[in-house]
PDB file of N, CA and C in Angstrom:
ATOM      1  N   MET A   1     134.536 134.226 106.820  1.00  0.00           N
ATOM      2  CA  MET A   1     135.167 135.078 106.052  1.00  0.00           C
ATOM      3  C   MET A   1     135.471 134.130 104.913  1.00  0.00           C
ATOM      4  N   THR A   2     135.742 133.763 103.310  1.00  0.00           N
ATOM      5  CA  THR A   2     135.853 132.979 102.755  1.00  0.00           C
ATOM      6  C   THR A   2     137.246 133.585 101.991  1.00  0.00           C
ATOM      7  N   VAL A   3     138.118 132.574 101.538  1.00  0.00           N
ATOM      8  CA  VAL A   3     139.736 132.953 101.222  1.00  0.00           C
ATOM      9  C   VAL A   3     139.707 133.300  99.604  1.00  0.00           C
ATOM     10  N   ASP A   4     139.752 134.202  98.930  1.00  0.00           N
ATOM     11  CA  ASP A   4     139.912 133.720  97.594  1.00  0.00           C
ATOM     12  C   ASP A   4     141.187 133.337  97.251  1.00  0.00           C
ATOM     13  N   LEU A   5     141.377 132.174  96.421  1.00  0.00           N
ATOM     14  CA  LEU A   5     142.706 131.205  96.082  1.00  0.00           C
ATOM     15  C   LEU A   5     142.754 131.545  95.023  1.00  0.00           C
ATOM     16  N   GLU A   6     141.687 132.001  93.898  1.00  0.00           N
ATOM     17  CA  GLU A   6     142.425 132.635  92.607  1.00  0.00           C
ATOM     18  C   GLU A   6     143.516 133.695  92.310  1.00  0.00           C
ATOM     19  N   PRO A   7     143.658 134.358  93.135  1.00  0.00           N
ATOM     20  CA  PRO A   7     145.114 135.065  92.041  1.00  0.00           C
ATOM     21  C   PRO A   7     146.045 134.333  92.441  1.00  0.00           C
ATOM     22  N   ASP A   8     146.338 133.958  93.380  1.00  0.00           N
ATOM     23  CA  ASP A   8     147.360 132.438  93.724  1.00  0.00           C
ATOM     24  C   ASP A   8     147.218 132.014  92.530  1.00  0.00           C
ATOM     25  N   PHE A   9     146.373 131.143  91.980  1.00  0.00           N
ATOM     26  CA  PHE A   9     146.552 130.502  91.125  1.00  0.00           C
ATOM     27  C   PHE A   9     147.001 130.911  89.897  1.00  0.00           C
ATOM     28  N   LEU A  10     146.387 131.871  89.468  1.00  0.00           N
ATOM     29  CA  LEU A  10     146.404 132.576  88.626  1.00  0.00           C
ATOM     30  C   LEU A  10     148.128 133.129  88.135  1.00  0.00           C
ATOM     31  N   ILE A  11     148.566 133.422  89.660  1.00  0.00           N
ATOM     32  CA  ILE A  11     150.136 133.888  89.457  1.00  0.00           C
ATOM     33  C   ILE A  11     151.062 132.726  89.253  1.00  0.00           C
ATOM     34  N   GLN A  12     150.637 131.899  89.676  1.00  0.00           N
ATOM     35  CA  GLN A  12     151.151 130.229  89.703  1.00  0.00           C
ATOM     36  C   GLN A  12     151.500 129.638  88.386  1.00  0.00           C
ATOM     37  N   GLU A  13     149.693 130.068  87.502  1.00  0.00           N
ATOM     38  CA  GLU A  13     149.798 129.254  86.676  1.00  0.00           C
ATOM     39  C   GLU A  13     150.416 130.422  85.119  1.00  0.00           C
ATOM     40  N   ALA A  14     150.657 131.678  85.496  1.00  0.00           N
ATOM     41  CA  ALA A  14     151.770 132.707  84.958  1.00  0.00           C
ATOM     42  C   ALA A  14     153.026 132.416  85.121  1.00  0.00           C
ATOM     43  N   ALA A  15     153.510 132.157  86.094  1.00  0.00           N
ATOM     44  CA  ALA A  15     155.023 131.688  86.154  1.00  0.00           C
ATOM     45  C   ALA A  15     155.098 129.882  85.733  1.00  0.00           C
ATOM     46  N   ARG A  16     154.525 129.529  85.626  1.00  0.00           N
ATOM     47  CA  ARG A  16     154.494 128.421  85.045  1.00  0.00           C
ATOM     48  C   ARG A  16     154.840 128.389  83.338  1.00  0.00           C
ATOM     49  N   TRP A  17     154.124 129.603  83.047  1.00  0.00           N
ATOM     50  CA  TRP A  17     153.554 129.724  81.683  1.00  0.00           C
ATOM     51  C   TRP A  17     154.791 130.506  81.066  1.00  0.00           C
ATOM     52  N   LEU A  18     155.507 130.956  81.735  1.00  0.00           N
ATOM     53  CA  LEU A  18     156.796 132.343  81.802  1.00  0.00           C
ATOM     54  C   LEU A  18     158.264 131.003  81.664  1.00  0.00           C
ATOM     55  N   VAL A  19     158.170 130.141  82.420  1.00  0.00           N
ATOM     56  CA  VAL A  19     158.882 129.051  82.754  1.00  0.00           C
ATOM     57  C   VAL A  19     159.055 128.282  81.258  1.00  0.00           C
ATOM     58  N   GLU A  20     158.098 127.403  81.016  1.00  0.00           N
ATOM     59  CA  GLU A  20     158.138 126.786  79.918  1.00  0.00           C
ATOM     60  C   GLU A  20     157.471 127.339  78.517  1.00  0.00           C
ATOM     61  N   THR A  21     157.923 128.639  78.190  1.00  0.00           N
ATOM     62  CA  THR A  21     157.666 129.246  77.322  1.00  0.00           C
ATOM     63  C   THR A  21     159.478 130.153  76.539  1.00  0.00           C
ATOM     64  N   PRO A  22     160.007 129.425  75.661  1.00  0.00           N
ATOM     65  CA  PRO A  22     160.862 130.300  75.929  1.00  0.00           C
ATOM     66  C   PRO A  22     160.814 131.547  75.067  1.00  0.00           C
ATOM     67  N   LYS A  23     161.779 132.447  75.279  1.00  0.00           N
ATOM     68  CA  LYS A  23     162.069 133.903  75.042  1.00  0.00           C
ATOM     69  C   LYS A  23     161.228 134.317  73.515  1.00  0.00           C
ATOM     70  N   VAL A  24     161.748 133.328  73.092  1.00  0.00           N
ATOM     71  CA  VAL A  24     161.805 133.903  71.484  1.00  0.00           C
ATOM     72  C   VAL A  24     160.165 133.557  70.987  1.00  0.00           C
ATOM     73  N   GLN A  25     159.330 132.759  71.872  1.00  0.00           N
ATOM     74  CA  GLN A  25     158.152 132.680  71.668  1.00  0.00           C
ATOM     75  C   GLN A  25     157.119 134.014  72.275  1.00  0.00           C
ATOM     76  N   ARG A  26     157.832 134.431  73.281  1.00  0.00           N
ATOM     77  CA  ARG A  26     157.264 135.617  73.694  1.00  0.00           C
ATOM     78  C   ARG A  26     157.235 137.170  73.555  1.00  0.00           C
ATOM     79  N   PRO A  27     156.124 137.075  72.732  1.00  0.00           N
ATOM     80  CA  PRO A  27     156.317 138.183  71.642  1.00  0.00           C
ATOM     81  C   PRO A  27     156.550 139.766  72.401  1.00  0.00           C
ATOM     82  N   ARG A  28     155.827 139.949  73.575  1.00  0.00           N
ATOM     83  CA  ARG A  28     156.014 141.170  74.453  1.00  0.00           C
ATOM     84  C   ARG A  28     157.120 140.926  75.800  1.00  0.00           C
ATOM     85  N   PRO A  29     157.478 142.572  76.306  1.00  0.00           N
ATOM     86  CA  PRO A  29     157.801 141.982  77.501  1.00  0.00           C
ATOM     87  C   PRO A  29     157.088 141.167  78.535  1.00  0.00           C
ATOM     88  N   ALA A  30     157.631 140.767  79.397  1.00  0.00           N
ATOM     89  CA  ALA A  30     157.245 140.014  80.399  1.00  0.00           C
ATOM     90  C   ALA A  30     156.113 140.507  81.151  1.00  0.00           C
ATOM     91  N   VAL A  31     156.004 141.525  81.577  1.00  0.00           N
ATOM     92  CA  VAL A  31     154.900 142.199  82.258  1.00  0.00           C
ATOM     93  C   VAL A  31     153.489 142.406  81.765  1.00  0.00           C
ATOM     94  N   VAL A  32     154.076 142.951  80.304  1.00  0.00           N
ATOM     95  CA  VAL A  32     152.811 143.333  79.285  1.00  0.00           C
ATOM     96  C   VAL A  32     152.460 141.572  78.792  1.00  0.00           C
ATOM     97  N   GLU A  33     153.130 140.580  78.455  1.00  0.00           N
ATOM     98  CA  GLU A  33     152.665 139.492  78.138  1.00  0.00           C
ATOM     99  C   GLU A  33     151.862 138.734  79.564  1.00  0.00           C
ATOM    100  N   LEU A  34     152.034 138.821  80.562  1.00  0.00           N
ATOM    101  CA  LEU A  34     151.287 138.551  81.492  1.00  0.00           C
ATOM    102  C   LEU A  34     150.511 138.668  82.065  1.00  0.00           C
ATOM    103  N   ARG A  35     149.868 139.950  81.892  1.00  0.00           N
ATOM    104  CA  ARG A  35     148.623 140.951  82.277  1.00  0.00           C
ATOM    105  C   ARG A  35     147.786 140.821  81.406  1.00  0.00           C
ATOM    106  N   ALA A  36     148.059 140.825  79.960  1.00  0.00           N
ATOM    107  CA  ALA A  36     147.375 140.490  78.442  1.00  0.00           C
ATOM    108  C   ALA A  36     146.452 138.994  78.710  1.00  0.00           C
ATOM    109  N   ARG A  37     147.796 138.005  78.931  1.00  0.00           N
ATOM    110  CA  ARG A  37     147.436 136.759  78.670  1.00  0.00           C
ATOM    111  C   ARG A  37     146.375 135.823  80.035  1.00  0.00           C
ATOM    112  N   PHE A  38     147.348 136.581  81.441  1.00  0.00           N
ATOM    113  CA  PHE A  38     146.015 135.915  82.509  1.00  0.00           C
ATOM    114  C   PHE A  38     145.420 136.941  83.311  1.00  0.00           C
ATOM    115  N   ALA A  39     145.516 138.725  82.402  1.00  0.00           N
ATOM    116  CA  ALA A  39     144.410 139.392  82.992  1.00  0.00           C
ATOM    117  C   ALA A  39     144.904 139.573  84.773  1.00  0.00           C
ATOM    118  N   LEU A  40     146.530 139.852  84.974  1.00  0.00           N
ATOM    119  CA  LEU A  40     147.179 140.396  86.248  1.00  0.00           C
ATOM    120  C   LEU A  40     146.511 141.660  86.078  1.00  0.00           C
ATOM    121  N   ASP A  41     147.235 142.233  87.107  1.00  0.00           N
ATOM    122  CA  ASP A  41     147.353 143.826  87.325  1.00  0.00           C
ATOM    123  C   ASP A  41     148.898 143.457  87.391  1.00  0.00           C
ATOM    124  N   VAL A  42     149.830 144.851  87.634  1.00  0.00           N
ATOM    125  CA  VAL A  42     151.212 144.833  87.642  1.00  0.00           C
ATOM    126  C   VAL A  42     151.731 143.759  88.601  1.00  0.00           C
ATOM    127  N   GLN A  43     151.110 144.170  90.088  1.00  0.00           N
ATOM    128  CA  GLN A  43     151.939 143.685  90.937  1.00  0.00           C
ATOM    129  C   GLN A  43     151.776 142.014  91.193  1.00  0.00           C
ATOM    130  N   ALA A  44     150.999 141.364  90.089  1.00  0.00           N
ATOM    131  CA  ALA A  44     150.944 140.117  90.183  1.00  0.00           C
ATOM    132  C   ALA A  44     151.665 139.484  89.120  1.00  0.00           C
ATOM    133  N   ALA A  45     152.173 140.121  88.174  1.00  0.00           N
ATOM    134  CA  ALA A  45     152.960 140.016  86.649  1.00  0.00           C
ATOM    135  C   ALA A  45     154.008 140.062  87.755  1.00  0.00           C
ATOM    136  N   CYS A  46     154.658 141.126  88.146  1.00  0.00           N
ATOM    137  CA  CYS A  46     155.667 141.083  89.386  1.00  0.00           C
ATOM    138  C   CYS A  46     156.139 140.103  90.163  1.00  0.00           C
ATOM    139  N   ALA A  47     154.569 139.570  90.903  1.00  0.00           N
ATOM    140  CA  ALA A  47     155.114 138.267  91.398  1.00  0.00           C
ATOM    141  C   ALA A  47     155.003 137.402  90.808  1.00  0.00           C
ATOM    142  N   ALA A  48     154.332 137.196  89.428  1.00  0.00           N
ATOM    143  CA  ALA A  48     154.762 135.634  88.965  1.00  0.00           C
ATOM    144  C   ALA A  48     156.118 135.937  88.132  1.00  0.00           C
ATOM    145  N   ILE A  49     156.770 136.616  87.878  1.00  0.00           N
ATOM    146  CA  ILE A  49     157.787 136.686  87.628  1.00  0.00           C
ATOM    147  C   ILE A  49     158.898 136.376  88.155  1.00  0.00           C
ATOM    148  N   GLY A  50     158.905 136.785  89.555  1.00  0.00           N
ATOM    149  CA  GLY A  50     159.328 136.525  90.738  1.00  0.00           C
ATOM    150  C   GLY A  50     159.257 135.103  90.999  1.00  0.00           C
ATOM    151  N   LEU A  51     158.348 134.820  91.563  1.00  0.00           N
ATOM    152  CA  LEU A  51     157.970 132.926  91.400  1.00  0.00           C
ATOM    153  C   LEU A  51     158.756 132.260  90.253  1.00  0.00           C
ATOM    154  N   ALA A  52     158.620 132.839  88.851  1.00  0.00           N
ATOM    155  CA  ALA A  52     159.077 132.124  87.735  1.00  0.00           C
ATOM    156  C   ALA A  52     160.694 131.525  87.791  1.00  0.00           C
ATOM    157  N   ASN A  53     161.416 132.914  88.638  1.00  0.00           N
ATOM    158  CA  ASN A  53     162.960 132.695  88.535  1.00  0.00           C
ATOM    159  C   ASN A  53     162.974 132.137  89.994  1.00  0.00           C
ATOM    160  N   ARG A  54     162.304 132.093  90.940  1.00  0.00           N
ATOM    161  CA  ARG A  54     162.783 131.440  91.825  1.00  0.00           C
ATOM    162  C   ARG A  54     162.576 129.993  91.408  1.00  0.00           C
ATOM    163  N   ILE A  55     161.967 129.412  90.674  1.00  0.00           N
ATOM    164  CA  ILE A  55     161.507 128.121  90.268  1.00  0.00           C
ATOM    165  C   ILE A  55     162.565 127.534  89.642  1.00  0.00           C
ATOM    166  N   ARG A  56     163.139 128.720  88.599  1.00  0.00           N
ATOM    167  CA  ARG A  56     164.377 128.564  87.610  1.00  0.00           C
ATOM    168  C   ARG A  56     165.715 128.638  88.154  1.00  0.00           C
ATOM    169  N   GLY A  57     165.665 128.828  89.781  1.00  0.00           N
ATOM    170  CA  GLY A  57     166.908 129.227  90.524  1.00  0.00           C
ATOM    171  C   GLY A  57     167.801 130.144  90.183  1.00  0.00           C
ATOM    172  N   GLY A  58     167.262 131.819  89.248  1.00  0.00           N
ATOM    173  CA  GLY A  58     167.351 132.876  89.173  1.00  0.00           C
ATOM    174  C   GLY A  58     168.477 132.883  90.003  1.00  0.00           C
ATOM    175  N   ALA A  59     169.531 133.961  89.514  1.00  0.00           N
ATOM    176  CA  ALA A  59     171.186 134.087  90.489  1.00  0.00           C
ATOM    177  C   ALA A  59     169.959 135.081  91.628  1.00  0.00           C
ATOM    178  N   ASN A  60     168.780 136.239  91.722  1.00  0.00           N
ATOM    179  CA  ASN A  60     168.232 137.212  92.376  1.00  0.00           C
ATOM    180  C   ASN A  60     167.157 136.100  93.168  1.00  0.00           C
ATOM    181  N   ALA A  61     167.176 135.337  93.029  1.00  0.00           N
ATOM    182  CA  ALA A  61     166.336 134.143  93.702  1.00  0.00           C
ATOM    183  C   ALA A  61     166.197 134.210  95.328  1.00  0.00           C
ATOM    184  N   SER A  62     164.828 134.474  95.590  1.00  0.00           N
ATOM    185  CA  SER A  62     165.303 134.626  97.643  1.00  0.00           C
ATOM    186  C   SER A  62     164.401 133.657  97.968  1.00  0.00           C
ATOM    187  N   THR A  63     164.354 133.473  98.791  1.00  0.00           N
ATOM    188  CA  THR A  63     163.761 132.452  99.336  1.00  0.00           C
ATOM    189  C   THR A  63     162.694 132.295 100.501  1.00  0.00           C
ATOM    190  N   SER A  64     162.255 133.835 100.829  1.00  0.00           N
ATOM    191  CA  SER A  64     161.941 134.367 101.817  1.00  0.00           C
ATOM    192  C   SER A  64     160.118 134.114 101.661  1.00  0.00           C
TER     193      SER A  64
END
């Protein structure tokens, strides 16, 4: 059995883009933008947002 690491990589890339891109340069809501830019589904886009929040140390960031 092979393990597909691609989705995790895309989530990490999307989170990095979200952290590095100022809000004024993001023309659409985060989920919509991440789905279009990185071809993520809704669940993966939300995971990328959560990861970005943890990277930033957001108020609701958890270490689970």
